[in-house]
Amino acid sequence: MKKLDAVFLIGIIGAVVFSNFSGVTGTVSKLEKDVLRMHILANSDSTEDQSVKLKVRDRLLECSEEIFGENFSLEDMKKNAGEKLDAINKIAEEVLSENGFSYGSNTEFVNMEFSARKYGELTMPAGNYDAVRITLGEAKGHNWWCVMYPPLCIPAAEEAVSDEERAVSYTHLRAHETRRHL
């Protein structure tokens, strides 16, 4: 874990130093090129689909060293992820099957737009980032994503309980709003 912390710290320091010399636009542009994200899109917003999305996330993060390798360079992570898309998809489908879901998943390496996201005191700006994207079933539900490089996924995954609580609260809120509008 100390190695991950060091890589993360170096990335943050580099971003701060770079922003002082090139302005915000330059920082976003550079940051987009120096980040790898993971994006998981749930089948739907049902409590069950949101919960299994988080289970897929947890299993993938448990296997992240196997998938992305022990080297913590961006190039190595992208290369390993690209070569292991089938393995990543197999892991997602195993979790779906273990939890009684008959729909499948699709895994691809993409460059896609992300909205801004705050991680504690750090804000990841909106922009187009490379990502390992896992879509579950019809992929019509809310998503979960994190930054694989520099490694910000582990702290985000530790928030699993609150993520699940938010998924349940969101589903109950939507059900209440639907009943209210009937």
C-alpha atoms as a PDB file:
ATOM      1  CA  MET A   1       0.000   0.000   0.000  1.00  0.00           C
ATOM      2  CA  LYS A   2       2.915   2.355   0.616  1.00  0.00           C
ATOM      3  CA  LYS A   3       3.959   2.007  -3.021  1.00  0.00           C
ATOM      4  CA  LEU A   4       0.443   3.057  -4.098  1.00  0.00           C
ATOM      5  CA  ASP A   5       0.545   6.034  -1.743  1.00  0.00           C
ATOM      6  CA  ALA A   6       3.917   7.140  -3.153  1.00  0.00           C
ATOM      7  CA  VAL A   7       2.698   6.901  -6.755  1.00  0.00           C
ATOM      8  CA  PHE A   8      -0.441   8.832  -5.862  1.00  0.00           C
ATOM      9  CA  LEU A   9       1.521  11.537  -4.033  1.00  0.00           C
ATOM     10  CA  ILE A  10       3.944  11.949  -6.933  1.00  0.00           C
ATOM     11  CA  GLY A  11       0.992  12.269  -9.332  1.00  0.00           C
ATOM     12  CA  ILE A  12      -0.659  14.944  -7.189  1.00  0.00           C
ATOM     13  CA  ILE A  13       2.555  16.920  -6.783  1.00  0.00           C
ATOM     14  CA  GLY A  14       3.176  16.710 -10.529  1.00  0.00           C
ATOM     15  CA  ALA A  15      -0.328  17.970 -11.287  1.00  0.00           C
ATOM     16  CA  VAL A  16       0.046  20.901  -8.871  1.00  0.00           C
ATOM     17  CA  VAL A  17       3.454  21.883 -10.245  1.00  0.00           C
ATOM     18  CA  PHE A  18       2.233  21.562 -13.822  1.00  0.00           C
ATOM     19  CA  SER A  19      -0.860  23.680 -13.110  1.00  0.00           C
ATOM     20  CA  ASN A  20       1.282  26.511 -11.753  1.00  0.00           C
ATOM     21  CA  PHE A  21       3.108  26.748 -15.076  1.00  0.00           C
ATOM     22  CA  SER A  22       0.431  26.015 -17.672  1.00  0.00           C
ATOM     23  CA  GLY A  23      -2.938  27.105 -16.332  1.00  0.00           C
ATOM     24  CA  VAL A  24      -6.070  25.071 -15.756  1.00  0.00           C
ATOM     25  CA  THR A  25      -6.665  24.106 -19.400  1.00  0.00           C
ATOM     26  CA  GLY A  26      -3.168  22.686 -19.736  1.00  0.00           C
ATOM     27  CA  THR A  27      -3.574  20.729 -16.505  1.00  0.00           C
ATOM     28  CA  VAL A  28      -6.843  19.158 -17.613  1.00  0.00           C
ATOM     29  CA  SER A  29      -5.376  18.285 -20.999  1.00  0.00           C
ATOM     30  CA  LYS A  30      -2.277  16.705 -19.440  1.00  0.00           C
ATOM     31  CA  LEU A  31      -4.268  14.982 -16.720  1.00  0.00           C
ATOM     32  CA  GLU A  32      -6.560  13.383 -19.305  1.00  0.00           C
ATOM     33  CA  LYS A  33      -3.501  11.758 -20.888  1.00  0.00           C
ATOM     34  CA  ASP A  34      -2.015  10.622 -17.565  1.00  0.00           C
ATOM     35  CA  VAL A  35      -5.023   8.830 -16.101  1.00  0.00           C
ATOM     36  CA  LEU A  36      -6.660   5.428 -16.524  1.00  0.00           C
ATOM     37  CA  ARG A  37     -10.165   4.984 -15.184  1.00  0.00           C
ATOM     38  CA  MET A  38     -12.486   2.068 -14.563  1.00  0.00           C
ATOM     39  CA  HIS A  39     -16.155   2.557 -15.396  1.00  0.00           C
ATOM     40  CA  ILE A  40     -18.911   0.087 -14.490  1.00  0.00           C
ATOM     41  CA  LEU A  41     -22.428   0.736 -15.754  1.00  0.00           C
ATOM     42  CA  ALA A  42     -25.276  -1.151 -14.049  1.00  0.00           C
ATOM     43  CA  ASN A  43     -28.087  -2.934 -15.877  1.00  0.00           C
ATOM     44  CA  SER A  44     -30.695  -0.686 -14.218  1.00  0.00           C
ATOM     45  CA  ASP A  45     -31.272   1.426 -11.138  1.00  0.00           C
ATOM     46  CA  SER A  46     -32.994  -1.378  -9.216  1.00  0.00           C
ATOM     47  CA  THR A  47     -31.545  -2.097  -5.796  1.00  0.00           C
ATOM     48  CA  GLU A  48     -30.456  -5.560  -6.974  1.00  0.00           C
ATOM     49  CA  ASP A  49     -28.714  -4.292 -10.130  1.00  0.00           C
ATOM     50  CA  GLN A  50     -26.953  -1.513  -8.233  1.00  0.00           C
ATOM     51  CA  SER A  51     -25.832  -3.982  -5.574  1.00  0.00           C
ATOM     52  CA  VAL A  52     -24.400  -6.475  -8.082  1.00  0.00           C
ATOM     53  CA  LYS A  53     -22.608  -3.608  -9.834  1.00  0.00           C
ATOM     54  CA  LEU A  54     -20.761  -2.960  -6.576  1.00  0.00           C
ATOM     55  CA  LYS A  55     -19.998  -6.666  -6.190  1.00  0.00           C
ATOM     56  CA  VAL A  56     -18.480  -6.668  -9.682  1.00  0.00           C
ATOM     57  CA  ARG A  57     -16.442  -3.627  -8.677  1.00  0.00           C
ATOM     58  CA  ASP A  58     -15.212  -5.265  -5.491  1.00  0.00           C
ATOM     59  CA  ARG A  59     -14.144  -8.449  -7.273  1.00  0.00           C
ATOM     60  CA  LEU A  60     -12.338  -6.517 -10.008  1.00  0.00           C
ATOM     61  CA  LEU A  61     -10.504  -4.431  -7.423  1.00  0.00           C
ATOM     62  CA  GLU A  62      -9.561  -7.598  -5.519  1.00  0.00           C
ATOM     63  CA  CYS A  63      -8.053  -8.904  -8.788  1.00  0.00           C
ATOM     64  CA  SER A  64      -6.533  -5.575  -9.859  1.00  0.00           C
ATOM     65  CA  GLU A  65      -2.918  -6.647  -9.303  1.00  0.00           C
ATOM     66  CA  GLU A  66      -3.526  -9.757 -11.415  1.00  0.00           C
ATOM     67  CA  ILE A  67      -5.254  -7.703 -14.124  1.00  0.00           C
ATOM     68  CA  PHE A  68      -3.115  -4.588 -14.232  1.00  0.00           C
ATOM     69  CA  GLY A  69       0.170  -6.014 -13.005  1.00  0.00           C
ATOM     70  CA  GLU A  70       2.527  -5.018 -10.240  1.00  0.00           C
ATOM     71  CA  ASN A  71       4.202  -2.263 -12.228  1.00  0.00           C
ATOM     72  CA  PHE A  72       2.659   1.061 -11.524  1.00  0.00           C
ATOM     73  CA  SER A  73       3.354   2.834 -14.786  1.00  0.00           C
ATOM     74  CA  LEU A  74       0.424   4.098 -16.816  1.00  0.00           C
ATOM     75  CA  GLU A  75       1.698   2.451 -19.981  1.00  0.00           C
ATOM     76  CA  ASP A  76       1.962  -0.958 -18.301  1.00  0.00           C
ATOM     77  CA  MET A  77      -1.507  -0.664 -16.798  1.00  0.00           C
ATOM     78  CA  LYS A  78      -3.072   0.300 -20.142  1.00  0.00           C
ATOM     79  CA  LYS A  79      -1.232  -2.503 -21.935  1.00  0.00           C
ATOM     80  CA  ASN A  80      -2.231  -5.109 -19.350  1.00  0.00           C
ATOM     81  CA  ALA A  81      -5.847  -3.938 -19.286  1.00  0.00           C
ATOM     82  CA  GLY A  82      -6.068  -4.016 -23.078  1.00  0.00           C
ATOM     83  CA  GLU A  83      -4.656  -7.535 -23.193  1.00  0.00           C
ATOM     84  CA  LYS A  84      -6.956  -8.793 -20.425  1.00  0.00           C
ATOM     85  CA  LEU A  85     -10.348  -7.467 -21.502  1.00  0.00           C
ATOM     86  CA  ASP A  86     -11.679 -11.032 -21.878  1.00  0.00           C
ATOM     87  CA  ALA A  87     -10.413 -11.955 -18.398  1.00  0.00           C
ATOM     88  CA  ILE A  88     -11.978  -8.818 -16.912  1.00  0.00           C
ATOM     89  CA  ASN A  89     -15.277  -9.627 -18.616  1.00  0.00           C
ATOM     90  CA  LYS A  90     -15.119 -13.221 -17.366  1.00  0.00           C
ATOM     91  CA  ILE A  91     -14.725 -11.968 -13.786  1.00  0.00           C
ATOM     92  CA  ALA A  92     -17.754  -9.666 -14.197  1.00  0.00           C
ATOM     93  CA  GLU A  93     -19.838 -12.502 -15.645  1.00  0.00           C
ATOM     94  CA  GLU A  94     -18.799 -14.868 -12.834  1.00  0.00           C
ATOM     95  CA  VAL A  95     -20.033 -12.352 -10.253  1.00  0.00           C
ATOM     96  CA  LEU A  96     -23.313 -11.917 -12.146  1.00  0.00           C
ATOM     97  CA  SER A  97     -23.806 -15.700 -12.347  1.00  0.00           C
ATOM     98  CA  GLU A  98     -22.876 -16.250  -8.670  1.00  0.00           C
ATOM     99  CA  ASN A  99     -25.569 -13.744  -7.726  1.00  0.00           C
ATOM    100  CA  GLY A 100     -28.305 -15.237  -9.930  1.00  0.00           C
ATOM    101  CA  PHE A 101     -28.274 -12.724 -12.784  1.00  0.00           C
ATOM    102  CA  SER A 102     -28.799 -14.123 -16.282  1.00  0.00           C
ATOM    103  CA  TYR A 103     -27.715 -11.053 -18.204  1.00  0.00           C
ATOM    104  CA  GLY A 104     -24.105 -10.787 -19.331  1.00  0.00           C
ATOM    105  CA  SER A 105     -21.494  -8.084 -19.467  1.00  0.00           C
ATOM    106  CA  ASN A 106     -19.274  -6.399 -22.022  1.00  0.00           C
ATOM    107  CA  THR A 107     -15.785  -5.054 -21.358  1.00  0.00           C
ATOM    108  CA  GLU A 108     -13.897  -2.664 -23.605  1.00  0.00           C
ATOM    109  CA  PHE A 109     -11.057  -0.169 -23.550  1.00  0.00           C
ATOM    110  CA  VAL A 110     -12.452   3.261 -24.476  1.00  0.00           C
ATOM    111  CA  ASN A 111     -11.733   6.958 -24.395  1.00  0.00           C
ATOM    112  CA  MET A 112     -14.836   8.578 -22.951  1.00  0.00           C
ATOM    113  CA  GLU A 113     -16.128  11.721 -21.308  1.00  0.00           C
ATOM    114  CA  PHE A 114     -16.353  11.867 -17.518  1.00  0.00           C
ATOM    115  CA  SER A 115     -17.888  14.542 -15.330  1.00  0.00           C
ATOM    116  CA  ALA A 116     -15.886  16.187 -12.536  1.00  0.00           C
ATOM    117  CA  ARG A 117     -15.445  14.022  -9.438  1.00  0.00           C
ATOM    118  CA  LYS A 118     -14.220  14.944  -5.989  1.00  0.00           C
ATOM    119  CA  TYR A 119     -12.045  12.495  -4.007  1.00  0.00           C
ATOM    120  CA  GLY A 120     -11.700  14.064  -0.570  1.00  0.00           C
ATOM    121  CA  GLU A 121      -9.701  17.240  -1.177  1.00  0.00           C
ATOM    122  CA  LEU A 122      -8.801  16.307  -4.774  1.00  0.00           C
ATOM    123  CA  THR A 123     -11.103  17.116  -7.697  1.00  0.00           C
ATOM    124  CA  MET A 124     -10.736  15.202 -10.953  1.00  0.00           C
ATOM    125  CA  PRO A 125     -11.780  17.626 -13.682  1.00  0.00           C
ATOM    126  CA  ALA A 126     -14.312  16.719 -16.332  1.00  0.00           C
ATOM    127  CA  GLY A 127     -12.790  15.559 -19.596  1.00  0.00           C
ATOM    128  CA  ASN A 128     -12.143  12.651 -21.946  1.00  0.00           C
ATOM    129  CA  TYR A 129     -10.170   9.859 -20.292  1.00  0.00           C
ATOM    130  CA  ASP A 130      -9.045   6.359 -21.223  1.00  0.00           C
ATOM    131  CA  ALA A 131     -11.068   3.786 -19.319  1.00  0.00           C
ATOM    132  CA  VAL A 132     -11.743   0.111 -18.902  1.00  0.00           C
ATOM    133  CA  ARG A 133     -15.537   0.136 -19.328  1.00  0.00           C
ATOM    134  CA  ILE A 134     -17.677  -2.740 -18.082  1.00  0.00           C
ATOM    135  CA  THR A 135     -21.355  -2.639 -19.041  1.00  0.00           C
ATOM    136  CA  LEU A 136     -23.745  -4.974 -17.233  1.00  0.00           C
ATOM    137  CA  GLY A 137     -26.874  -6.198 -19.023  1.00  0.00           C
ATOM    138  CA  GLU A 138     -28.731  -3.344 -20.720  1.00  0.00           C
ATOM    139  CA  ALA A 139     -26.398  -0.760 -19.128  1.00  0.00           C
ATOM    140  CA  LYS A 140     -29.277   1.608 -18.323  1.00  0.00           C
ATOM    141  CA  GLY A 141     -28.496   2.158 -14.637  1.00  0.00           C
ATOM    142  CA  HIS A 142     -26.251   4.473 -12.705  1.00  0.00           C
ATOM    143  CA  ASN A 143     -22.541   3.921 -12.981  1.00  0.00           C
ATOM    144  CA  TRP A 144     -19.583   3.633 -10.680  1.00  0.00           C
ATOM    145  CA  TRP A 145     -16.108   4.718 -11.678  1.00  0.00           C
ATOM    146  CA  CYS A 146     -12.745   5.387 -10.206  1.00  0.00           C
ATOM    147  CA  VAL A 147      -9.208   6.257 -11.198  1.00  0.00           C
ATOM    148  CA  MET A 148      -6.990   3.189 -11.641  1.00  0.00           C
ATOM    149  CA  TYR A 149      -3.902   5.286 -12.353  1.00  0.00           C
ATOM    150  CA  PRO A 150      -2.869   7.094 -10.314  1.00  0.00           C
ATOM    151  CA  PRO A 151      -4.497   4.620  -7.926  1.00  0.00           C
ATOM    152  CA  LEU A 152      -7.565   6.220  -6.377  1.00  0.00           C
ATOM    153  CA  CYS A 153      -9.859   3.165  -6.610  1.00  0.00           C
ATOM    154  CA  ILE A 154      -8.871   1.589  -3.318  1.00  0.00           C
ATOM    155  CA  PRO A 155     -10.078   4.518  -1.143  1.00  0.00           C
ATOM    156  CA  ALA A 156     -13.243   4.704  -3.260  1.00  0.00           C
ATOM    157  CA  ALA A 157     -13.891   0.984  -2.813  1.00  0.00           C
ATOM    158  CA  GLU A 158     -13.581   1.348   0.941  1.00  0.00           C
ATOM    159  CA  GLU A 159     -16.743   3.452   0.719  1.00  0.00           C
ATOM    160  CA  ALA A 160     -18.681   0.357  -0.467  1.00  0.00           C
ATOM    161  CA  VAL A 161     -21.125   0.394   2.415  1.00  0.00           C
ATOM    162  CA  SER A 162     -22.085   4.008   1.832  1.00  0.00           C
ATOM    163  CA  ASP A 163     -22.323   3.344  -1.946  1.00  0.00           C
ATOM    164  CA  GLU A 164     -24.743   0.497  -1.287  1.00  0.00           C
ATOM    165  CA  GLU A 165     -26.721   2.657   1.128  1.00  0.00           C
ATOM    166  CA  ARG A 166     -26.916   5.400  -1.516  1.00  0.00           C
ATOM    167  CA  ALA A 167     -28.095   2.853  -4.112  1.00  0.00           C
ATOM    168  CA  VAL A 168     -30.853   1.665  -1.784  1.00  0.00           C
ATOM    169  CA  SER A 169     -31.806   5.238  -0.822  1.00  0.00           C
ATOM    170  CA  TYR A 170     -31.863   6.291  -4.478  1.00  0.00           C
ATOM    171  CA  THR A 171     -34.138   3.366  -5.404  1.00  0.00           C
ATOM    172  CA  HIS A 172     -36.520   4.155  -2.528  1.00  0.00           C
ATOM    173  CA  LEU A 173     -36.544   7.849  -3.431  1.00  0.00           C
ATOM    174  CA  ARG A 174     -37.377   7.058  -7.077  1.00  0.00           C
ATOM    175  CA  ALA A 175     -40.167   4.676  -5.993  1.00  0.00           C
ATOM    176  CA  HIS A 176     -41.576   7.372  -3.675  1.00  0.00           C
ATOM    177  CA  GLU A 177     -41.411  10.024  -6.419  1.00  0.00           C
ATOM    178  CA  THR A 178     -43.128   7.669  -8.890  1.00  0.00           C
ATOM    179  CA  ARG A 179     -45.952   6.947  -6.436  1.00  0.00           C
ATOM    180  CA  ARG A 180     -46.290  10.669  -5.719  1.00  0.00           C
ATOM    181  CA  HIS A 181     -46.720  11.451  -9.440  1.00  0.00           C
ATOM    182  CA  LEU A 182     -49.398   8.771 -10.009  1.00  0.00           C
END
